[in-house]
């Protein structure tokens, strides 16, 4: 498999200001695999220490903060040679708080060593505080649709999508098979194991079995790592996720979790799921402005699952929907489509996506790209109705260079609305850049090249 985060890891390796790396991400997104693949690029390879599997390694960090002594102990205990040309991997580092805190001493006392750490529940540890400026962070999520194409032997389609640089309809020879590939992705999601099962066997039932195992591992983590009082509440929120996204207005409602539930009772449980990277919270903004975070409505938000395949399995959507035209995209109010789009936006844009709503309208996502605020609607199927997008344009057209509609319609741009096929969502940042350039060239024409 090819993971785009490898480019970020190589940039970290080559940086003259490198610090120990903390790789965050939910369970089963492929953190250990990618670090080991990255380790193969080092002259002396890699050495990995798993604090969950081998808790005895924690003793070396509990008795001293001298990193050279720690490395000596790790070398002797593992029987593996560690040099300045070795990638040192601390896996499941959340299981050893002393090792996590010791990363700052690697920066201060042994900066010549390459140290990368990863953990499935790192967000929980880091939410409690961590020395600012002592480590470098990278976020890793499920495989994107582009990465899925590469894993599925469709490099030609991925190359084609990355080459599109004008707003003309895509030929059917590309559009139709890409739409089918997207259906496959909605079945598997982006977790590497179900993707691997699909690419090898093309068996949706085997994919469902793997996804069920991942969901079970998440639910097992609730009981193992969450505060005992919060475990039932976490499970209620987790199981309510399909119902939350099945409504037209997808604003999170505590009453959907459990009748009579109140925010003060369930807020900690919700934050636990967010910090574990199992869900994401998307805040509503009161109006588009810079920075978008300044206009967050703290009382209104939506939540999405870490992965569209997990959401499908959690919702018990059968694999039979796989063969029924666009039903997979439109099932339960397009929730799978929104979740899929959010996954990509979260990775593509530096600022976390928001959404906008008034009393009667809701625009699914708002992204900040540089100084531009871009509204995005995610439409299931090939519908072109955009009532909420038009309302947004009427309210904020003067400060909106572009509006985006993601759907199963072909690529087009009419000077106001950019329509992008859902399977091109990973190219959205680049396409928005092309469209806003066209917009500004028309809005602010150069006079004979003299201005």
Protein backbone atom coordinates (compact mmCIF):
# COMPACT_ATOMS: atom_id res chain seq x y z
CA UNK A 1 0.00 0.00 0.00
CA UNK A 2 1.11 3.56 -0.66
CA UNK A 3 0.31 6.12 2.03
CA UNK A 4 0.60 9.84 1.33
CA UNK A 5 1.86 10.50 4.87
CA UNK A 6 5.18 8.95 3.81
CA UNK A 7 6.06 12.29 2.19
CA UNK A 8 5.54 14.04 5.52
CA UNK A 9 7.67 11.45 7.30
CA UNK A 10 10.49 11.91 4.79
CA UNK A 11 10.28 15.70 5.24
CA UNK A 12 10.55 15.18 9.01
CA UNK A 13 13.61 12.97 8.51
CA UNK A 14 15.34 15.60 6.40
CA UNK A 15 14.48 18.58 8.60
CA UNK A 16 17.35 20.32 10.32
CA UNK A 17 14.99 21.21 13.18
CA UNK A 18 13.69 17.71 13.71
CA UNK A 19 12.24 16.79 17.11
CA UNK A 20 10.94 13.43 18.35
CA UNK A 21 7.83 12.59 16.35
CA UNK A 22 4.40 11.80 17.74
CA UNK A 23 2.15 10.09 15.18
CA UNK A 24 -1.49 10.32 16.20
CA UNK A 25 -4.45 8.41 14.84
CA UNK A 26 -7.24 6.01 15.68
CA UNK A 27 -6.70 2.28 16.13
CA UNK A 28 -6.22 0.32 12.90
CA UNK A 29 -5.40 3.24 10.57
CA UNK A 30 -1.94 1.78 9.84
CA UNK A 31 0.41 3.77 12.08
CA UNK A 32 2.74 0.89 12.95
CA UNK A 33 2.88 -0.34 9.35
CA UNK A 34 3.79 3.07 7.94
CA UNK A 35 6.48 3.67 10.57
CA UNK A 36 8.05 0.30 9.80
CA UNK A 37 7.94 1.03 6.05
CA UNK A 38 9.50 4.41 6.80
CA UNK A 39 12.13 2.68 8.94
CA UNK A 40 13.25 0.68 5.91
CA UNK A 41 14.54 3.95 4.38
CA UNK A 42 17.17 4.27 7.14
CA UNK A 43 20.69 2.85 6.57
CA UNK A 44 20.46 0.79 9.79
CA UNK A 45 16.74 0.08 9.56
CA UNK A 46 14.41 0.38 12.52
CA UNK A 47 13.89 -1.01 15.99
CA UNK A 48 10.40 -1.09 17.51
CA UNK A 49 9.37 -1.24 21.15
CA UNK A 50 5.70 -1.95 21.89
CA UNK A 51 4.82 -0.80 25.41
CA UNK A 52 1.44 -2.52 25.35
CA UNK A 53 2.81 -5.91 24.29
CA UNK A 54 6.02 -5.60 26.34
CA UNK A 55 5.21 -3.52 29.45
CA UNK A 56 8.57 -4.49 30.99
CA UNK A 57 10.26 -1.90 28.73
CA UNK A 58 8.56 0.81 30.81
CA UNK A 59 10.96 0.14 33.69
CA UNK A 60 13.84 1.64 31.73
CA UNK A 61 12.01 5.00 31.66
CA UNK A 62 10.86 4.85 35.26
CA UNK A 63 14.33 4.56 36.79
CA UNK A 64 16.19 7.26 34.82
CA UNK A 65 15.77 10.19 32.45
CA UNK A 66 19.26 9.69 30.97
CA UNK A 67 18.39 8.84 27.36
CA UNK A 68 21.75 7.28 26.59
CA UNK A 69 21.37 4.91 29.51
CA UNK A 70 17.81 4.17 28.36
CA UNK A 71 19.08 3.37 24.86
CA UNK A 72 21.75 1.08 26.29
CA UNK A 73 19.12 -0.83 28.25
CA UNK A 74 16.80 -1.06 25.25
CA UNK A 75 19.66 -2.32 23.07
CA UNK A 76 20.57 -5.07 25.52
CA UNK A 77 16.95 -6.06 26.21
CA UNK A 78 16.00 -6.27 22.54
CA UNK A 79 19.26 -7.59 21.16
CA UNK A 80 19.02 -5.06 18.34
CA UNK A 81 21.67 -2.52 17.44
CA UNK A 82 20.66 1.15 17.74
CA UNK A 83 22.68 3.83 15.95
CA UNK A 84 22.22 7.39 14.75
CA UNK A 85 21.06 5.86 11.46
CA UNK A 86 18.31 3.77 13.06
CA UNK A 87 14.67 4.76 13.36
CA UNK A 88 13.61 4.15 16.97
CA UNK A 89 9.87 3.39 17.13
CA UNK A 90 8.02 3.60 20.43
CA UNK A 91 4.71 1.89 19.68
CA UNK A 92 1.58 2.13 21.84
CA UNK A 93 3.47 4.78 23.78
CA UNK A 94 0.30 5.83 25.58
CA UNK A 95 0.77 2.69 27.69
CA UNK A 96 3.97 4.20 29.19
CA UNK A 97 3.49 7.77 30.34
CA UNK A 98 7.15 7.98 31.43
CA UNK A 99 8.29 7.18 27.87
CA UNK A 100 5.95 9.82 26.48
CA UNK A 101 7.32 12.43 28.88
CA UNK A 102 10.88 11.30 28.13
CA UNK A 103 10.59 12.40 24.50
CA UNK A 104 11.55 15.92 25.57
CA UNK A 105 14.86 14.58 26.90
CA UNK A 106 15.60 12.95 23.56
CA UNK A 107 15.18 16.39 22.00
CA UNK A 108 17.38 18.11 24.58
CA UNK A 109 20.08 15.49 25.20
CA UNK A 110 20.20 13.25 22.12
CA UNK A 111 18.81 15.18 19.13
CA UNK A 112 20.96 13.17 16.70
CA UNK A 113 18.75 10.09 17.19
CA UNK A 114 15.60 9.54 15.13
CA UNK A 115 12.70 8.82 17.48
CA UNK A 116 9.11 8.26 16.29
CA UNK A 117 6.24 7.27 18.56
CA UNK A 118 2.70 6.14 17.89
CA UNK A 119 -0.32 5.05 19.85
CA UNK A 120 -3.99 4.32 19.32
CA UNK A 121 -5.19 6.41 22.25
CA UNK A 122 -2.51 9.09 22.26
CA UNK A 123 -5.12 11.82 22.05
CA UNK A 124 -6.31 10.90 25.53
CA UNK A 125 -2.83 11.30 26.97
CA UNK A 126 -2.10 14.49 25.05
CA UNK A 127 -5.43 16.06 26.04
CA UNK A 128 -4.08 16.11 29.59
CA UNK A 129 -1.18 18.33 28.58
CA UNK A 130 2.20 17.88 26.93
CA UNK A 131 5.38 20.01 26.87
CA UNK A 132 4.82 22.56 24.10
CA UNK A 133 7.57 22.74 21.51
CA UNK A 134 9.26 19.49 22.55
CA UNK A 135 7.92 17.19 19.82
CA UNK A 136 6.70 17.23 16.24
CA UNK A 137 3.15 16.01 15.58
CA UNK A 138 1.65 14.26 12.57
CA UNK A 139 -1.97 13.16 12.22
CA UNK A 140 -2.80 9.94 10.40
CA UNK A 141 -6.27 8.91 9.31
CA UNK A 142 -7.81 6.09 7.28
CA UNK A 143 -6.75 5.60 3.69
CA UNK A 144 -8.14 8.25 1.36
CA UNK A 145 -10.04 7.33 -1.78
CA UNK A 146 -6.89 8.09 -3.79
CA UNK A 147 -4.89 5.69 -1.61
CA UNK A 148 -7.65 3.12 -2.05
CA UNK A 149 -7.32 3.42 -5.83
CA UNK A 150 -3.57 2.82 -5.60
CA UNK A 151 -4.09 -0.21 -3.36
CA UNK A 152 -6.77 -1.59 -5.69
CA UNK A 153 -4.49 -1.54 -8.72
CA UNK A 154 -6.14 1.54 -10.24
CA UNK A 155 -3.05 3.77 -10.45
CA UNK A 156 -4.19 4.95 -13.88
CA UNK A 157 -7.38 6.42 -12.41
CA UNK A 158 -5.50 8.11 -9.58
CA UNK A 159 -3.04 9.59 -12.10
CA UNK A 160 -5.90 10.81 -14.28
CA UNK A 161 -7.65 12.59 -11.38
CA UNK A 162 -4.46 14.35 -10.36
CA UNK A 163 -3.94 15.53 -13.97
CA UNK A 164 -7.33 17.24 -14.41
CA UNK A 165 -6.65 20.96 -14.70
CA UNK A 166 -9.68 22.33 -16.55
CA UNK A 167 -13.38 22.30 -15.82
CA UNK A 168 -14.61 20.08 -18.64
CA UNK A 169 -16.79 16.97 -18.17
CA UNK A 170 -14.83 13.81 -17.53
CA UNK A 171 -15.11 11.14 -20.26
CA UNK A 172 -17.41 8.21 -19.45
CA UNK A 173 -14.40 5.90 -19.77
CA UNK A 174 -13.16 7.42 -16.50
CA UNK A 175 -16.37 8.63 -14.85
CA UNK A 176 -18.26 5.32 -14.83
CA UNK A 177 -15.50 3.08 -13.42
CA UNK A 178 -14.53 5.75 -10.87
CA UNK A 179 -18.14 5.87 -9.66
CA UNK A 180 -18.00 2.09 -9.24
CA UNK A 181 -14.70 2.35 -7.34
CA UNK A 182 -16.30 4.88 -5.02
CA UNK A 183 -19.08 2.39 -4.23
CA UNK A 184 -16.39 -0.13 -3.35
CA UNK A 185 -14.77 2.41 -1.04
CA UNK A 186 -18.08 3.08 0.70
CA UNK A 187 -18.21 -0.67 1.38
CA UNK A 188 -14.66 -1.03 2.69
CA UNK A 189 -13.88 2.39 4.11
CA UNK A 190 -10.25 3.37 4.49
CA UNK A 191 -8.99 1.09 7.23
CA UNK A 192 -6.05 -0.84 5.71
CA UNK A 193 -7.17 -4.34 6.73
CA UNK A 194 -10.64 -4.28 5.09
CA UNK A 195 -9.09 -2.56 2.05
CA UNK A 196 -6.53 -5.35 1.84
CA UNK A 197 -9.25 -8.02 2.16
CA UNK A 198 -11.25 -6.35 -0.62
CA UNK A 199 -8.33 -5.93 -3.01
CA UNK A 200 -7.32 -9.57 -2.54
CA UNK A 201 -10.69 -11.35 -2.43
CA UNK A 202 -13.40 -8.90 -3.58
CA UNK A 203 -15.62 -10.44 -0.89
CA UNK A 204 -17.94 -7.91 0.81
CA UNK A 205 -18.87 -10.39 3.54
CA UNK A 206 -15.22 -10.84 4.49
CA UNK A 207 -14.92 -7.04 4.57
CA UNK A 208 -17.91 -6.86 6.92
CA UNK A 209 -16.30 -9.41 9.22
CA UNK A 210 -13.10 -7.35 9.49
CA UNK A 211 -15.04 -4.13 10.07
CA UNK A 212 -17.04 -5.82 12.83
CA UNK A 213 -13.77 -6.84 14.49
CA UNK A 214 -12.50 -3.25 14.37
CA UNK A 215 -15.74 -1.96 15.89
CA UNK A 216 -15.45 -4.59 18.62
CA UNK A 217 -11.88 -3.47 19.34
CA UNK A 218 -13.07 0.13 19.68
CA UNK A 219 -15.83 -0.90 22.06
CA UNK A 220 -13.34 -2.97 24.04
CA UNK A 221 -11.18 0.14 24.42
CA UNK A 222 -14.14 1.95 25.97
CA UNK A 223 -14.17 -0.50 28.85
CA UNK A 224 -10.39 -0.72 29.22
CA UNK A 225 -9.38 2.92 29.03
CA UNK A 226 -12.34 5.21 29.72
CA UNK A 227 -13.39 6.28 33.24
CA UNK A 228 -15.78 3.64 34.55
CA UNK A 229 -18.64 6.11 35.04
CA UNK A 230 -18.36 7.27 31.42
CA UNK A 231 -18.25 3.87 29.71
CA UNK A 232 -22.06 3.41 29.36
CA UNK A 233 -22.39 7.01 28.11
CA UNK A 234 -19.62 6.54 25.56
CA UNK A 235 -21.34 3.42 24.28
CA UNK A 236 -24.69 5.25 24.03
CA UNK A 237 -23.11 8.06 21.99
CA UNK A 238 -21.24 5.64 19.76
CA UNK A 239 -24.34 3.59 19.02
CA UNK A 240 -26.39 6.74 18.38
CA UNK A 241 -24.07 7.89 15.60
CA UNK A 242 -26.14 6.46 12.71
CA UNK A 243 -29.30 8.01 14.17
CA UNK A 244 -27.57 11.38 14.58
CA UNK A 245 -26.63 11.40 10.89
CA UNK A 246 -29.94 10.00 9.62
CA UNK A 247 -31.81 13.27 10.18
CA UNK A 248 -32.10 16.12 7.68
CA UNK A 249 -30.74 18.47 10.31
CA UNK A 250 -27.64 16.66 11.48
CA UNK A 251 -26.92 18.85 14.49
CA UNK A 252 -25.93 16.61 17.38
CA UNK A 253 -28.78 16.11 19.86
CA UNK A 254 -28.18 14.60 23.28
CA UNK A 255 -31.82 13.49 23.32
CA UNK A 256 -31.03 11.12 20.43
CA UNK A 257 -28.35 9.49 22.59
CA UNK A 258 -30.86 8.78 25.34
CA UNK A 259 -34.22 10.36 26.18
CA UNK A 260 -33.68 13.03 28.80
CA UNK A 261 -29.90 13.16 28.32
CA UNK A 262 -28.24 16.50 29.06
CA UNK A 263 -24.99 18.01 27.80
CA UNK A 264 -23.44 18.27 31.27
CA UNK A 265 -23.96 14.53 31.77
CA UNK A 266 -22.56 13.37 28.43
CA UNK A 267 -20.00 16.02 27.49
CA UNK A 268 -17.04 14.16 29.01
CA UNK A 269 -18.02 10.96 27.22
CA UNK A 270 -18.30 12.80 23.90
CA UNK A 271 -14.90 14.41 24.39
CA UNK A 272 -13.39 11.01 25.21
CA UNK A 273 -14.48 9.68 21.82
CA UNK A 274 -13.10 12.77 20.11
CA UNK A 275 -9.75 12.60 21.93
CA UNK A 276 -9.48 8.91 21.02
CA UNK A 277 -9.84 9.99 17.35
CA UNK A 278 -12.87 7.74 16.93
CA UNK A 279 -15.22 10.61 16.10
CA UNK A 280 -14.82 14.20 14.92
CA UNK A 281 -16.81 17.22 16.03
CA UNK A 282 -17.69 19.82 13.39
CA UNK A 283 -18.77 23.16 14.84
CA UNK A 284 -21.44 25.44 13.42
CA UNK A 285 -20.36 28.98 12.57
CA UNK A 286 -22.66 31.95 12.98
CA UNK A 287 -21.29 33.61 9.84
CA UNK A 288 -18.27 33.28 7.54
CA UNK A 289 -15.34 35.34 8.80
CA UNK A 290 -11.62 35.13 9.45
CA UNK A 291 -10.58 33.14 11.29
CA UNK A 292 -13.55 30.79 11.13
CA UNK A 293 -12.84 29.61 14.68
CA UNK A 294 -13.78 33.06 15.95
CA UNK A 295 -17.36 32.49 14.78
CA UNK A 296 -17.93 29.02 16.27
CA UNK A 297 -21.29 28.46 17.93
CA UNK A 298 -20.21 26.43 20.95
CA UNK A 299 -23.71 25.04 21.44
CA UNK A 300 -24.13 23.49 17.98
CA UNK A 301 -22.04 20.83 16.28
CA UNK A 302 -22.22 17.63 14.23
CA UNK A 303 -20.25 14.44 14.77
CA UNK A 304 -18.82 12.03 12.21
CA UNK A 305 -17.23 8.60 12.49
CA UNK A 306 -13.52 8.16 11.88
CA UNK A 307 -14.26 6.14 8.74
CA UNK A 308 -17.13 5.73 6.29
CA UNK A 309 -16.76 1.93 6.21
CA UNK A 310 -17.03 1.75 9.98
CA UNK A 311 -20.12 3.98 9.87
CA UNK A 312 -21.71 1.73 7.25
CA UNK A 313 -21.05 -1.38 9.32
CA UNK A 314 -22.15 0.31 12.55
CA UNK A 315 -25.39 1.21 10.76
CA UNK A 316 -25.88 -2.40 9.59
CA UNK A 317 -26.30 -1.31 5.98
CA UNK A 318 -26.21 -4.59 4.02
CA UNK A 319 -23.70 -5.28 1.30
CA UNK A 320 -26.65 -5.89 -1.08
CA UNK A 321 -26.92 -2.10 -1.41
CA UNK A 322 -23.56 -2.34 -3.13
CA UNK A 323 -25.16 -3.34 -6.45
CA UNK A 324 -28.19 -1.04 -6.46
CA UNK A 325 -27.31 1.96 -8.61
CA UNK A 326 -26.67 4.97 -6.36
CA UNK A 327 -28.60 3.69 -3.37
CA UNK A 328 -25.39 3.35 -1.39
CA UNK A 329 -24.80 7.10 -1.70
CA UNK A 330 -28.35 8.13 -0.84
CA UNK A 331 -29.06 5.69 2.00
CA UNK A 332 -30.18 7.30 5.28
CA UNK A 333 -30.11 10.91 4.11
CA UNK A 334 -26.70 10.70 2.47
CA UNK A 335 -24.94 10.18 5.80
CA UNK A 336 -22.26 8.00 4.22
CA UNK A 337 -21.59 10.70 1.63
CA UNK A 338 -21.19 13.42 4.26
CA UNK A 339 -18.94 11.24 6.39
CA UNK A 340 -16.80 10.41 3.35
CA UNK A 341 -16.47 14.09 2.40
CA UNK A 342 -15.58 15.08 5.95
CA UNK A 343 -12.80 12.47 6.03
CA UNK A 344 -11.18 14.06 2.99
CA UNK A 345 -11.69 17.69 4.01
CA UNK A 346 -10.15 16.99 7.41
CA UNK A 347 -6.96 15.79 5.71
CA UNK A 348 -6.89 18.29 2.83
CA UNK A 349 -7.31 21.61 4.62
CA UNK A 350 -5.17 23.01 7.42
CA UNK A 351 -8.15 24.50 9.27
CA UNK A 352 -10.75 22.00 10.51
CA UNK A 353 -14.01 22.20 8.51
CA UNK A 354 -17.14 23.81 9.97
CA UNK A 355 -20.74 24.04 8.84
CA UNK A 356 -23.28 26.86 8.54
CA UNK A 357 -26.99 26.85 9.28
CA UNK A 358 -29.87 29.23 9.86
CA UNK A 359 -33.44 28.43 10.87
CA UNK A 360 -34.29 26.72 7.57
CA UNK A 361 -31.05 25.97 5.72
CA UNK A 362 -27.81 24.11 6.31
CA UNK A 363 -24.60 24.10 4.28
CA UNK A 364 -22.80 20.86 5.03
CA UNK A 365 -19.25 22.20 5.28
CA UNK A 366 -17.36 25.47 5.40
CA UNK A 367 -13.61 25.44 4.77
CA UNK A 368 -11.05 28.17 5.23
CA UNK A 369 -8.48 28.19 2.44
CA UNK A 370 -5.99 30.98 2.98
CA UNK A 371 -8.14 34.09 3.27
CA UNK A 372 -11.08 32.52 1.40
CA UNK A 373 -14.14 31.03 3.10
CA UNK A 374 -15.65 28.34 0.84
CA UNK A 375 -19.10 26.74 1.37
CA UNK A 376 -19.40 23.09 0.33
CA UNK A 377 -22.50 20.95 -0.07
CA UNK A 378 -22.22 17.17 -0.23
CA UNK A 379 -25.10 15.84 -2.30
CA UNK A 380 -25.88 12.15 -2.48
CA UNK A 381 -26.48 10.90 -6.00
CA UNK A 382 -26.75 13.33 -8.91
CA UNK A 383 -29.22 15.85 -7.47
CA UNK A 384 -28.52 19.46 -8.43
CA UNK A 385 -30.87 21.06 -5.91
CA UNK A 386 -28.84 23.49 -3.83
CA UNK A 387 -31.38 25.48 -1.84
CA UNK A 388 -29.14 26.01 1.17
CA UNK A 389 -26.12 26.86 -0.98
CA UNK A 390 -28.15 29.49 -2.83
CA UNK A 391 -29.36 30.95 0.48
CA UNK A 392 -25.78 31.13 1.68
CA UNK A 393 -24.77 32.85 -1.57
CA UNK A 394 -27.59 35.36 -1.18
CA UNK A 395 -26.48 36.19 2.36
CA UNK A 396 -22.71 36.20 1.86
CA UNK A 397 -22.13 36.40 -1.89
CA UNK A 398 -19.94 39.50 -1.67
CA UNK A 399 -17.29 37.72 0.40
CA UNK A 400 -17.64 34.32 -1.30
CA UNK A 401 -15.46 33.82 -4.39
CA UNK A 402 -16.77 30.33 -4.99
CA UNK A 403 -19.38 27.78 -3.86
CA UNK A 404 -18.82 24.04 -4.21
CA UNK A 405 -21.26 21.19 -4.74
CA UNK A 406 -19.94 17.63 -4.43
CA UNK A 407 -22.25 15.12 -6.10
CA UNK A 408 -22.36 12.34 -8.67
CA UNK A 409 -22.77 14.86 -11.48
CA UNK A 410 -19.88 15.57 -13.80
CA UNK A 411 -17.25 18.24 -13.34
CA UNK A 412 -18.34 21.77 -14.25
CA UNK A 413 -17.87 25.41 -13.23
CA UNK A 414 -20.27 28.18 -14.18
CA UNK A 415 -18.38 31.04 -12.55
CA UNK A 416 -20.32 30.72 -9.31
CA UNK A 417 -20.80 27.05 -8.41
CA UNK A 418 -18.08 24.47 -8.87
CA UNK A 419 -19.59 21.00 -9.26
CA UNK A 420 -17.11 18.25 -8.44
CA UNK A 421 -17.78 14.49 -8.65
CA UNK A 422 -17.57 12.88 -5.23
CA UNK A 423 -14.71 10.67 -6.36
CA UNK A 424 -12.60 13.82 -6.93
CA UNK A 425 -12.89 15.07 -3.35
CA UNK A 426 -9.18 14.46 -2.68
CA UNK A 427 -8.43 16.92 -5.50
CA UNK A 428 -10.76 19.57 -4.09
CA UNK A 429 -8.13 21.88 -2.63
CA UNK A 430 -6.35 22.05 -5.99
CA UNK A 431 -9.60 22.50 -7.95
CA UNK A 432 -10.73 25.30 -5.65
CA UNK A 433 -7.39 26.98 -6.28
CA UNK A 434 -7.93 26.78 -10.05
CA UNK A 435 -11.50 28.12 -9.80
CA UNK A 436 -10.65 31.02 -7.47
CA UNK A 437 -7.84 32.03 -9.83
CA UNK A 438 -10.35 32.18 -12.70
CA UNK A 439 -12.76 34.16 -10.50
CA UNK A 440 -10.14 36.75 -9.56
CA UNK A 441 -8.88 37.11 -13.12
CA UNK A 442 -12.42 38.02 -14.18
CA UNK A 443 -13.16 40.18 -11.15
CA UNK A 444 -9.85 42.04 -11.29
CA UNK A 445 -8.71 42.02 -14.94
CA UNK A 446 -5.23 43.25 -15.80
CA UNK A 447 -5.34 46.29 -18.09
CA UNK A 448 -3.09 45.43 -21.08
CA UNK A 449 -0.54 44.02 -18.72
CA UNK A 450 0.26 47.47 -17.33
CA UNK A 451 -1.65 47.18 -14.03
